[in-house]
Amino acid sequence: MAYITLNRPEKRNALNPELVISLTNAFIRANQDQDVKVIILNATGDVFSAGADLAYLQQLQSNTYEENVADSAALKDLFYTIYTSPKAVVAQVEGHAIAGGCGLASVCDIVFSVPEARFGYTEVKIGFIPALVACFLVRKTGEARTRELLLSGELIDAGTASNYGLINFIHHKDSIQGAVKTYAEQLVSGTSAQSVSLTKQLLNIAQNMTLEESLDEAVNFNATARATADCKKGISAFLSKEKVTW
């Protein structure tokens, strides 16, 4: 397992260009590490991430169009690097996740949250738009929920976020760390890294295809998976009624 931790508690783990680049590089390293099967994204302090840093927002007012394009591209790279990671990515949210901070949680595969956390994309309340996260959120929660969340800019509680499909599990503060660790360990010991990677690849492309196209692609992925060392190992252990060790 690899832990990647937001560590600006004095700024409520707000995003600025330096943090965005640091997070992207950290995920790239974890993605490339053959010893890592699960990546856990967490944060120090009482807030998971409050979105954009105030000083950063002030700076945006004087940016040129070209500077804003480059800045947005950096955040796009971060979200895309997390979303397309070949590893399982688990978010451990122990405080509010707002705007870009909620975007961070949204692009993870699995999200654990404490009951007190609030989630929302508040960009429209300050004349901004949640442009990048919209591309990912519509895949995760569907168009109706995405419109509701992004157009209102309202915050929702963890229970509502769970009902909307934005998060997966809710645990109290004193148990969430252990629950995330147990879940991650189960993924490490109970799943094939090659299978997880191929499954994520298929899921990432299938939504942009017709049913017929996605089924044809699934046939190719099946054939690829059957030729992997993990598949041969797993089937051999199953037929021998032995416990496979991943």
C-alpha atoms as a PDB file:
ATOM      1  CA  MET A   1       0.000   0.000   0.000  1.00  0.00           C
ATOM      2  CA  ALA A   2       1.005   3.589  -0.573  1.00  0.00           C
ATOM      3  CA  TYR A   3      -0.323   6.527   1.441  1.00  0.00           C
ATOM      4  CA  ILE A   4      -0.550   9.956  -0.178  1.00  0.00           C
ATOM      5  CA  THR A   5      -1.442  12.632   2.360  1.00  0.00           C
ATOM      6  CA  LEU A   6      -2.648  16.193   1.927  1.00  0.00           C
ATOM      7  CA  ASN A   7      -0.613  18.046   4.518  1.00  0.00           C
ATOM      8  CA  ARG A   8      -1.617  21.713   4.622  1.00  0.00           C
ATOM      9  CA  PRO A   9      -3.896  21.625   7.677  1.00  0.00           C
ATOM     10  CA  GLU A  10      -3.257  25.301   8.416  1.00  0.00           C
ATOM     11  CA  LYS A  11      -4.770  26.085   4.989  1.00  0.00           C
ATOM     12  CA  ARG A  12      -7.500  23.438   5.293  1.00  0.00           C
ATOM     13  CA  ASN A  13      -5.567  21.406   2.719  1.00  0.00           C
ATOM     14  CA  ALA A  14      -6.549  23.892   0.037  1.00  0.00           C
ATOM     15  CA  LEU A  15      -5.226  23.333  -3.460  1.00  0.00           C
ATOM     16  CA  ASN A  16      -2.637  25.579  -5.053  1.00  0.00           C
ATOM     17  CA  PRO A  17      -0.384  24.977  -8.090  1.00  0.00           C
ATOM     18  CA  GLU A  18       2.466  23.580  -5.978  1.00  0.00           C
ATOM     19  CA  LEU A  19       0.225  21.085  -4.199  1.00  0.00           C
ATOM     20  CA  VAL A  20      -1.440  20.007  -7.448  1.00  0.00           C
ATOM     21  CA  ILE A  21       1.941  19.247  -9.020  1.00  0.00           C
ATOM     22  CA  SER A  22       3.197  17.487  -5.873  1.00  0.00           C
ATOM     23  CA  LEU A  23       0.091  15.295  -5.746  1.00  0.00           C
ATOM     24  CA  THR A  24       0.370  14.450  -9.440  1.00  0.00           C
ATOM     25  CA  ASN A  25       4.010  13.429  -9.044  1.00  0.00           C
ATOM     26  CA  ALA A  26       3.207  11.369  -5.948  1.00  0.00           C
ATOM     27  CA  PHE A  27       0.496   9.458  -7.798  1.00  0.00           C
ATOM     28  CA  ILE A  28       2.753   8.914 -10.798  1.00  0.00           C
ATOM     29  CA  ARG A  29       5.410   7.396  -8.527  1.00  0.00           C
ATOM     30  CA  ALA A  30       2.859   5.169  -6.810  1.00  0.00           C
ATOM     31  CA  ASN A  31       1.370   4.142 -10.157  1.00  0.00           C
ATOM     32  CA  GLN A  32       4.791   3.053 -11.370  1.00  0.00           C
ATOM     33  CA  ASP A  33       5.779   1.236  -8.164  1.00  0.00           C
ATOM     34  CA  GLN A  34       5.406  -2.514  -8.753  1.00  0.00           C
ATOM     35  CA  ASP A  35       5.228  -3.107  -5.001  1.00  0.00           C
ATOM     36  CA  VAL A  36       2.115  -0.931  -4.629  1.00  0.00           C
ATOM     37  CA  LYS A  37      -1.327  -2.445  -5.236  1.00  0.00           C
ATOM     38  CA  VAL A  38      -3.527   0.058  -3.397  1.00  0.00           C
ATOM     39  CA  ILE A  39      -3.143   3.828  -3.010  1.00  0.00           C
ATOM     40  CA  ILE A  40      -4.814   5.542  -0.049  1.00  0.00           C
ATOM     41  CA  LEU A  41      -5.438   9.288  -0.307  1.00  0.00           C
ATOM     42  CA  ASN A  42      -5.976  10.955   3.060  1.00  0.00           C
ATOM     43  CA  ALA A  43      -5.383  14.292   4.764  1.00  0.00           C
ATOM     44  CA  THR A  44      -4.152  15.773   8.017  1.00  0.00           C
ATOM     45  CA  GLY A  45      -6.321  18.137  10.040  1.00  0.00           C
ATOM     46  CA  ASP A  46     -10.077  18.526  10.306  1.00  0.00           C
ATOM     47  CA  VAL A  47     -10.779  19.214   6.614  1.00  0.00           C
ATOM     48  CA  PHE A  48     -10.070  16.832   3.743  1.00  0.00           C
ATOM     49  CA  SER A  49      -9.726  19.735   1.313  1.00  0.00           C
ATOM     50  CA  ALA A  50     -11.497  23.079   1.099  1.00  0.00           C
ATOM     51  CA  GLY A  51     -10.826  23.488  -2.623  1.00  0.00           C
ATOM     52  CA  ALA A  52      -8.771  26.325  -4.060  1.00  0.00           C
ATOM     53  CA  ASP A  53      -6.379  28.284  -1.847  1.00  0.00           C
ATOM     54  CA  LEU A  54      -7.494  31.897  -1.231  1.00  0.00           C
ATOM     55  CA  ALA A  55      -4.167  33.333  -2.356  1.00  0.00           C
ATOM     56  CA  TYR A  56      -4.414  31.189  -5.467  1.00  0.00           C
ATOM     57  CA  LEU A  57      -7.924  32.538  -6.205  1.00  0.00           C
ATOM     58  CA  GLN A  58      -6.621  36.086  -5.926  1.00  0.00           C
ATOM     59  CA  GLN A  59      -3.832  35.286  -8.353  1.00  0.00           C
ATOM     60  CA  LEU A  60      -6.304  33.913 -10.901  1.00  0.00           C
ATOM     61  CA  GLN A  61      -7.840  37.356 -11.280  1.00  0.00           C
ATOM     62  CA  SER A  62      -4.695  38.656 -12.950  1.00  0.00           C
ATOM     63  CA  ASN A  63      -3.891  35.562 -15.035  1.00  0.00           C
ATOM     64  CA  THR A  64      -3.907  35.712 -18.808  1.00  0.00           C
ATOM     65  CA  TYR A  65      -6.086  33.282 -20.757  1.00  0.00           C
ATOM     66  CA  GLU A  66      -3.009  31.240 -21.621  1.00  0.00           C
ATOM     67  CA  GLU A  67      -1.968  31.089 -17.945  1.00  0.00           C
ATOM     68  CA  ASN A  68      -5.441  29.916 -16.965  1.00  0.00           C
ATOM     69  CA  VAL A  69      -5.351  27.213 -19.619  1.00  0.00           C
ATOM     70  CA  ALA A  70      -2.009  25.951 -18.317  1.00  0.00           C
ATOM     71  CA  ASP A  71      -3.234  26.070 -14.736  1.00  0.00           C
ATOM     72  CA  SER A  72      -6.434  24.171 -15.567  1.00  0.00           C
ATOM     73  CA  ALA A  73      -4.418  21.620 -17.523  1.00  0.00           C
ATOM     74  CA  ALA A  74      -2.327  20.891 -14.432  1.00  0.00           C
ATOM     75  CA  LEU A  75      -5.453  20.103 -12.396  1.00  0.00           C
ATOM     76  CA  LYS A  76      -6.783  18.025 -15.282  1.00  0.00           C
ATOM     77  CA  ASP A  77      -3.558  16.013 -15.226  1.00  0.00           C
ATOM     78  CA  LEU A  78      -3.967  15.371 -11.494  1.00  0.00           C
ATOM     79  CA  PHE A  79      -7.577  14.188 -11.781  1.00  0.00           C
ATOM     80  CA  TYR A  80      -6.785  12.068 -14.833  1.00  0.00           C
ATOM     81  CA  THR A  81      -3.720  10.506 -13.193  1.00  0.00           C
ATOM     82  CA  ILE A  82      -5.824   9.443 -10.206  1.00  0.00           C
ATOM     83  CA  TYR A  83      -8.831   8.300 -12.245  1.00  0.00           C
ATOM     84  CA  THR A  84      -6.768   6.200 -14.671  1.00  0.00           C
ATOM     85  CA  SER A  85      -4.360   4.819 -12.078  1.00  0.00           C
ATOM     86  CA  PRO A  86      -3.688   1.107 -12.663  1.00  0.00           C
ATOM     87  CA  LYS A  87      -3.978   0.672  -8.888  1.00  0.00           C
ATOM     88  CA  ALA A  88      -7.073   0.706  -6.708  1.00  0.00           C
ATOM     89  CA  VAL A  89      -7.342   4.212  -5.217  1.00  0.00           C
ATOM     90  CA  VAL A  90      -9.138   4.645  -1.885  1.00  0.00           C
ATOM     91  CA  ALA A  91     -10.004   8.057  -0.428  1.00  0.00           C
ATOM     92  CA  GLN A  92     -10.136   8.407   3.367  1.00  0.00           C
ATOM     93  CA  VAL A  93     -12.209  11.533   3.952  1.00  0.00           C
ATOM     94  CA  GLU A  94     -12.200  12.707   7.571  1.00  0.00           C
ATOM     95  CA  GLY A  95     -13.514  16.207   7.015  1.00  0.00           C
ATOM     96  CA  HIS A  96     -15.284  18.437   4.523  1.00  0.00           C
ATOM     97  CA  ALA A  97     -14.458  17.923   0.837  1.00  0.00           C
ATOM     98  CA  ILE A  98     -15.444  21.038  -1.072  1.00  0.00           C
ATOM     99  CA  ALA A  99     -15.099  22.184  -4.693  1.00  0.00           C
ATOM    100  CA  GLY A 100     -11.733  20.925  -5.993  1.00  0.00           C
ATOM    101  CA  GLY A 101     -11.344  18.962  -2.773  1.00  0.00           C
ATOM    102  CA  CYS A 102     -14.565  17.138  -3.521  1.00  0.00           C
ATOM    103  CA  GLY A 103     -13.248  16.607  -7.017  1.00  0.00           C
ATOM    104  CA  LEU A 104     -10.247  14.819  -5.548  1.00  0.00           C
ATOM    105  CA  ALA A 105     -12.494  12.393  -3.715  1.00  0.00           C
ATOM    106  CA  SER A 106     -14.748  11.975  -6.742  1.00  0.00           C
ATOM    107  CA  VAL A 107     -11.995  10.620  -8.983  1.00  0.00           C
ATOM    108  CA  CYS A 108     -10.962   7.920  -6.494  1.00  0.00           C
ATOM    109  CA  ASP A 109     -12.287   4.384  -6.947  1.00  0.00           C
ATOM    110  CA  ILE A 110     -13.591   3.924  -3.412  1.00  0.00           C
ATOM    111  CA  VAL A 111     -14.446   6.633  -0.865  1.00  0.00           C
ATOM    112  CA  PHE A 112     -14.652   6.190   2.910  1.00  0.00           C
ATOM    113  CA  SER A 113     -16.053   9.108   4.899  1.00  0.00           C
ATOM    114  CA  VAL A 114     -16.800  10.133   8.459  1.00  0.00           C
ATOM    115  CA  PRO A 115     -20.461  11.022   9.145  1.00  0.00           C
ATOM    116  CA  GLU A 116     -19.606  14.671   9.853  1.00  0.00           C
ATOM    117  CA  ALA A 117     -18.058  15.341   6.435  1.00  0.00           C
ATOM    118  CA  ARG A 118     -19.837  17.542   3.935  1.00  0.00           C
ATOM    119  CA  PHE A 119     -19.450  17.267   0.182  1.00  0.00           C
ATOM    120  CA  GLY A 120     -20.153  19.732  -2.576  1.00  0.00           C
ATOM    121  CA  TYR A 121     -19.035  21.627  -5.646  1.00  0.00           C
ATOM    122  CA  THR A 122     -19.511  25.273  -4.710  1.00  0.00           C
ATOM    123  CA  GLU A 123     -17.917  26.877  -7.755  1.00  0.00           C
ATOM    124  CA  VAL A 124     -21.148  28.430  -9.100  1.00  0.00           C
ATOM    125  CA  LYS A 125     -21.513  30.381  -5.864  1.00  0.00           C
ATOM    126  CA  ILE A 126     -18.398  32.437  -6.688  1.00  0.00           C
ATOM    127  CA  GLY A 127     -18.985  32.840 -10.415  1.00  0.00           C
ATOM    128  CA  PHE A 128     -16.741  29.922 -11.332  1.00  0.00           C
ATOM    129  CA  ILE A 129     -17.623  26.565 -12.919  1.00  0.00           C
ATOM    130  CA  PRO A 130     -16.759  22.996 -11.861  1.00  0.00           C
ATOM    131  CA  ALA A 131     -15.649  22.236 -15.398  1.00  0.00           C
ATOM    132  CA  LEU A 132     -13.122  19.471 -14.858  1.00  0.00           C
ATOM    133  CA  VAL A 133     -14.968  17.539 -12.198  1.00  0.00           C
ATOM    134  CA  ALA A 134     -18.133  17.565 -14.320  1.00  0.00           C
ATOM    135  CA  CYS A 135     -16.454  15.238 -16.803  1.00  0.00           C
ATOM    136  CA  PHE A 136     -15.808  12.662 -14.088  1.00  0.00           C
ATOM    137  CA  LEU A 137     -18.866  13.169 -11.884  1.00  0.00           C
ATOM    138  CA  VAL A 138     -21.389  12.515 -14.642  1.00  0.00           C
ATOM    139  CA  ARG A 139     -19.788   9.091 -15.062  1.00  0.00           C
ATOM    140  CA  LYS A 140     -19.976   8.385 -11.349  1.00  0.00           C
ATOM    141  CA  THR A 141     -23.400   9.627 -10.320  1.00  0.00           C
ATOM    142  CA  GLY A 142     -25.281  10.043 -13.599  1.00  0.00           C
ATOM    143  CA  GLU A 143     -26.510  13.179 -15.316  1.00  0.00           C
ATOM    144  CA  ALA A 144     -29.442  13.991 -13.004  1.00  0.00           C
ATOM    145  CA  ARG A 145     -27.384  13.948  -9.795  1.00  0.00           C
ATOM    146  CA  THR A 146     -24.505  15.766 -11.479  1.00  0.00           C
ATOM    147  CA  ARG A 147     -26.813  18.561 -12.591  1.00  0.00           C
ATOM    148  CA  GLU A 148     -28.283  18.811  -9.095  1.00  0.00           C
ATOM    149  CA  LEU A 149     -24.891  18.976  -7.386  1.00  0.00           C
ATOM    150  CA  LEU A 150     -23.104  21.253  -9.825  1.00  0.00           C
ATOM    151  CA  LEU A 151     -25.892  23.712 -10.590  1.00  0.00           C
ATOM    152  CA  SER A 152     -26.936  24.270  -6.980  1.00  0.00           C
ATOM    153  CA  GLY A 153     -23.479  24.377  -5.425  1.00  0.00           C
ATOM    154  CA  GLU A 154     -25.060  23.111  -2.202  1.00  0.00           C
ATOM    155  CA  LEU A 155     -23.236  20.970   0.337  1.00  0.00           C
ATOM    156  CA  ILE A 156     -24.623  17.534   1.180  1.00  0.00           C
ATOM    157  CA  ASP A 157     -23.955  15.335   4.187  1.00  0.00           C
ATOM    158  CA  ALA A 158     -22.229  11.969   4.084  1.00  0.00           C
ATOM    159  CA  GLY A 159     -25.484  10.026   4.182  1.00  0.00           C
ATOM    160  CA  THR A 160     -26.822  11.880   1.147  1.00  0.00           C
ATOM    161  CA  ALA A 161     -23.481  11.531  -0.622  1.00  0.00           C
ATOM    162  CA  SER A 162     -23.702   7.777  -0.061  1.00  0.00           C
ATOM    163  CA  ASN A 163     -27.244   7.638  -1.444  1.00  0.00           C
ATOM    164  CA  TYR A 164     -26.084   9.595  -4.505  1.00  0.00           C
ATOM    165  CA  GLY A 165     -23.239   7.157  -5.153  1.00  0.00           C
ATOM    166  CA  LEU A 166     -20.590   9.770  -4.447  1.00  0.00           C
ATOM    167  CA  ILE A 167     -19.078   7.822  -1.530  1.00  0.00           C
ATOM    168  CA  ASN A 168     -19.096   4.136  -0.607  1.00  0.00           C
ATOM    169  CA  PHE A 169     -18.673   3.668   3.149  1.00  0.00           C
ATOM    170  CA  ILE A 170     -19.290   5.730   6.290  1.00  0.00           C
ATOM    171  CA  HIS A 171     -17.282   5.122   9.466  1.00  0.00           C
ATOM    172  CA  HIS A 172     -16.877   7.136  12.634  1.00  0.00           C
ATOM    173  CA  LYS A 173     -13.665   9.035  13.309  1.00  0.00           C
ATOM    174  CA  ASP A 174     -12.329   6.429  15.709  1.00  0.00           C
ATOM    175  CA  SER A 175     -12.768   3.550  13.262  1.00  0.00           C
ATOM    176  CA  ILE A 176     -12.299   4.925   9.742  1.00  0.00           C
ATOM    177  CA  GLN A 177      -8.525   4.497   9.644  1.00  0.00           C
ATOM    178  CA  GLY A 178      -8.780   0.853  10.652  1.00  0.00           C
ATOM    179  CA  ALA A 179     -11.651   0.259   8.238  1.00  0.00           C
ATOM    180  CA  VAL A 180      -9.695   1.735   5.321  1.00  0.00           C
ATOM    181  CA  LYS A 181      -6.601  -0.271   6.240  1.00  0.00           C
ATOM    182  CA  THR A 182      -8.599  -3.514   6.498  1.00  0.00           C
ATOM    183  CA  TYR A 183     -10.310  -2.854   3.164  1.00  0.00           C
ATOM    184  CA  ALA A 184      -7.005  -2.057   1.465  1.00  0.00           C
ATOM    185  CA  GLU A 185      -5.354  -5.151   2.921  1.00  0.00           C
ATOM    186  CA  GLN A 186      -8.196  -7.282   1.584  1.00  0.00           C
ATOM    187  CA  LEU A 187      -7.617  -5.821  -1.873  1.00  0.00           C
ATOM    188  CA  VAL A 188      -3.876  -6.473  -1.563  1.00  0.00           C
ATOM    189  CA  SER A 189      -4.235 -10.081  -0.446  1.00  0.00           C
ATOM    190  CA  GLY A 190      -7.438 -11.024  -2.243  1.00  0.00           C
ATOM    191  CA  THR A 191      -7.142  -9.544  -5.724  1.00  0.00           C
ATOM    192  CA  SER A 192      -4.806  -9.775  -8.679  1.00  0.00           C
ATOM    193  CA  ALA A 193      -2.994  -6.532  -9.503  1.00  0.00           C
ATOM    194  CA  GLN A 194      -3.160  -7.371 -13.203  1.00  0.00           C
ATOM    195  CA  SER A 195      -6.896  -8.033 -13.001  1.00  0.00           C
ATOM    196  CA  VAL A 196      -7.568  -4.761 -11.171  1.00  0.00           C
ATOM    197  CA  SER A 197      -5.563  -2.817 -13.746  1.00  0.00           C
ATOM    198  CA  LEU A 198      -7.305  -4.437 -16.728  1.00  0.00           C
ATOM    199  CA  THR A 199     -10.747  -4.025 -15.143  1.00  0.00           C
ATOM    200  CA  LYS A 200     -10.133  -0.314 -14.583  1.00  0.00           C
ATOM    201  CA  GLN A 201      -8.923   0.106 -18.159  1.00  0.00           C
ATOM    202  CA  LEU A 202     -12.090  -1.543 -19.479  1.00  0.00           C
ATOM    203  CA  LEU A 203     -14.371   0.530 -17.248  1.00  0.00           C
ATOM    204  CA  ASN A 204     -12.636   3.740 -18.328  1.00  0.00           C
ATOM    205  CA  ILE A 205     -13.224   3.142 -22.025  1.00  0.00           C
ATOM    206  CA  ALA A 206     -16.533   1.242 -22.028  1.00  0.00           C
ATOM    207  CA  GLN A 207     -18.628   4.279 -21.121  1.00  0.00           C
ATOM    208  CA  ASN A 208     -17.636   6.029 -24.331  1.00  0.00           C
ATOM    209  CA  MET A 209     -18.745   3.147 -26.553  1.00  0.00           C
ATOM    210  CA  THR A 210     -21.966   1.661 -27.810  1.00  0.00           C
ATOM    211  CA  LEU A 211     -23.031  -1.604 -26.186  1.00  0.00           C
ATOM    212  CA  GLU A 212     -21.793  -3.546 -29.188  1.00  0.00           C
ATOM    213  CA  GLU A 213     -18.433  -1.759 -29.180  1.00  0.00           C
ATOM    214  CA  SER A 214     -17.936  -2.253 -25.446  1.00  0.00           C
ATOM    215  CA  LEU A 215     -18.791  -5.957 -25.715  1.00  0.00           C
ATOM    216  CA  ASP A 216     -16.261  -6.386 -28.527  1.00  0.00           C
ATOM    217  CA  GLU A 217     -13.661  -4.618 -26.411  1.00  0.00           C
ATOM    218  CA  ALA A 218     -14.585  -6.807 -23.431  1.00  0.00           C
ATOM    219  CA  VAL A 219     -13.892  -9.885 -25.561  1.00  0.00           C
ATOM    220  CA  ASN A 220     -10.386  -8.559 -26.245  1.00  0.00           C
ATOM    221  CA  PHE A 221      -9.817  -7.747 -22.580  1.00  0.00           C
ATOM    222  CA  ASN A 222     -10.969 -11.237 -21.604  1.00  0.00           C
ATOM    223  CA  ALA A 223      -8.501 -12.799 -24.015  1.00  0.00           C
ATOM    224  CA  THR A 224      -5.713 -10.567 -22.708  1.00  0.00           C
ATOM    225  CA  ALA A 225      -6.528 -11.389 -19.086  1.00  0.00           C
ATOM    226  CA  ARG A 226      -6.523 -15.137 -19.741  1.00  0.00           C
ATOM    227  CA  ALA A 227      -2.955 -14.911 -21.033  1.00  0.00           C
ATOM    228  CA  THR A 228      -1.608 -13.190 -17.918  1.00  0.00           C
ATOM    229  CA  ALA A 229       0.507 -14.925 -15.322  1.00  0.00           C
ATOM    230  CA  ASP A 230      -1.985 -13.929 -12.629  1.00  0.00           C
ATOM    231  CA  CYS A 231      -4.877 -15.615 -14.403  1.00  0.00           C
ATOM    232  CA  LYS A 232      -2.945 -18.835 -14.882  1.00  0.00           C
ATOM    233  CA  LYS A 233      -1.876 -18.741 -11.248  1.00  0.00           C
ATOM    234  CA  GLY A 234      -5.403 -18.048 -10.020  1.00  0.00           C
ATOM    235  CA  ILE A 235      -7.062 -20.763 -12.087  1.00  0.00           C
ATOM    236  CA  SER A 236      -4.416 -23.298 -11.103  1.00  0.00           C
ATOM    237  CA  ALA A 237      -4.975 -22.543  -7.415  1.00  0.00           C
ATOM    238  CA  PHE A 238      -8.758 -22.702  -7.838  1.00  0.00           C
ATOM    239  CA  LEU A 239      -8.649 -26.080  -9.581  1.00  0.00           C
ATOM    240  CA  SER A 240      -6.256 -27.412  -6.955  1.00  0.00           C
ATOM    241  CA  LYS A 241      -8.507 -26.018  -4.200  1.00  0.00           C
ATOM    242  CA  GLU A 242      -5.565 -24.058  -2.840  1.00  0.00           C
ATOM    243  CA  LYS A 243      -5.579 -20.507  -1.478  1.00  0.00           C
ATOM    244  CA  VAL A 244      -3.930 -18.193  -3.947  1.00  0.00           C
ATOM    245  CA  THR A 245      -1.381 -15.714  -2.603  1.00  0.00           C
ATOM    246  CA  TRP A 246      -1.276 -12.404  -4.405  1.00  0.00           C
END
